[in-house]
Amino acid sequence: YRVLVSEGEREWRIRRRWSDLRILVAELNAKHADDLRASGVPIPDFSSHGLRLAHQMLELKFLNSRAASMQSLLRAYLSALPVSLVSAVGPEPLLRFLSASSPDAGSSQT
């Protein structure tokens, strides 16, 4: 999935796989569950995968649904936790996921 990340006047694009999001969710739940609960921000449920045939996983409807889920989840995390990529402030798993310098990022700075 391609994700446009922006902060202030800066923006960059990253590429992330669904499995990257699954890892992020697991790390944030393990290390920052108290902060997430204390924020009061409702965090959408995350379904790491469903039983699907390979051809179904390439269907546009399925991909669009996952993209919307990813966007909703990331927005909730960014509302719940203090994060600044420019200042390198916030939970390390979230900073790493959104960083243009992350190893899996197919990124371009703009």
Foldseek 3Di string as FASTA:
>chain_A
DKDWDDDDPWIKIWDDDLVLVVVLVVVCCVPPVVLQVVLVQDADDDDSDDDDDPVVCPDPVNVVVVVVNVVRRLVSVCSRWPDDLVVRDTDPSNNLSPDCPNPRTPMDID
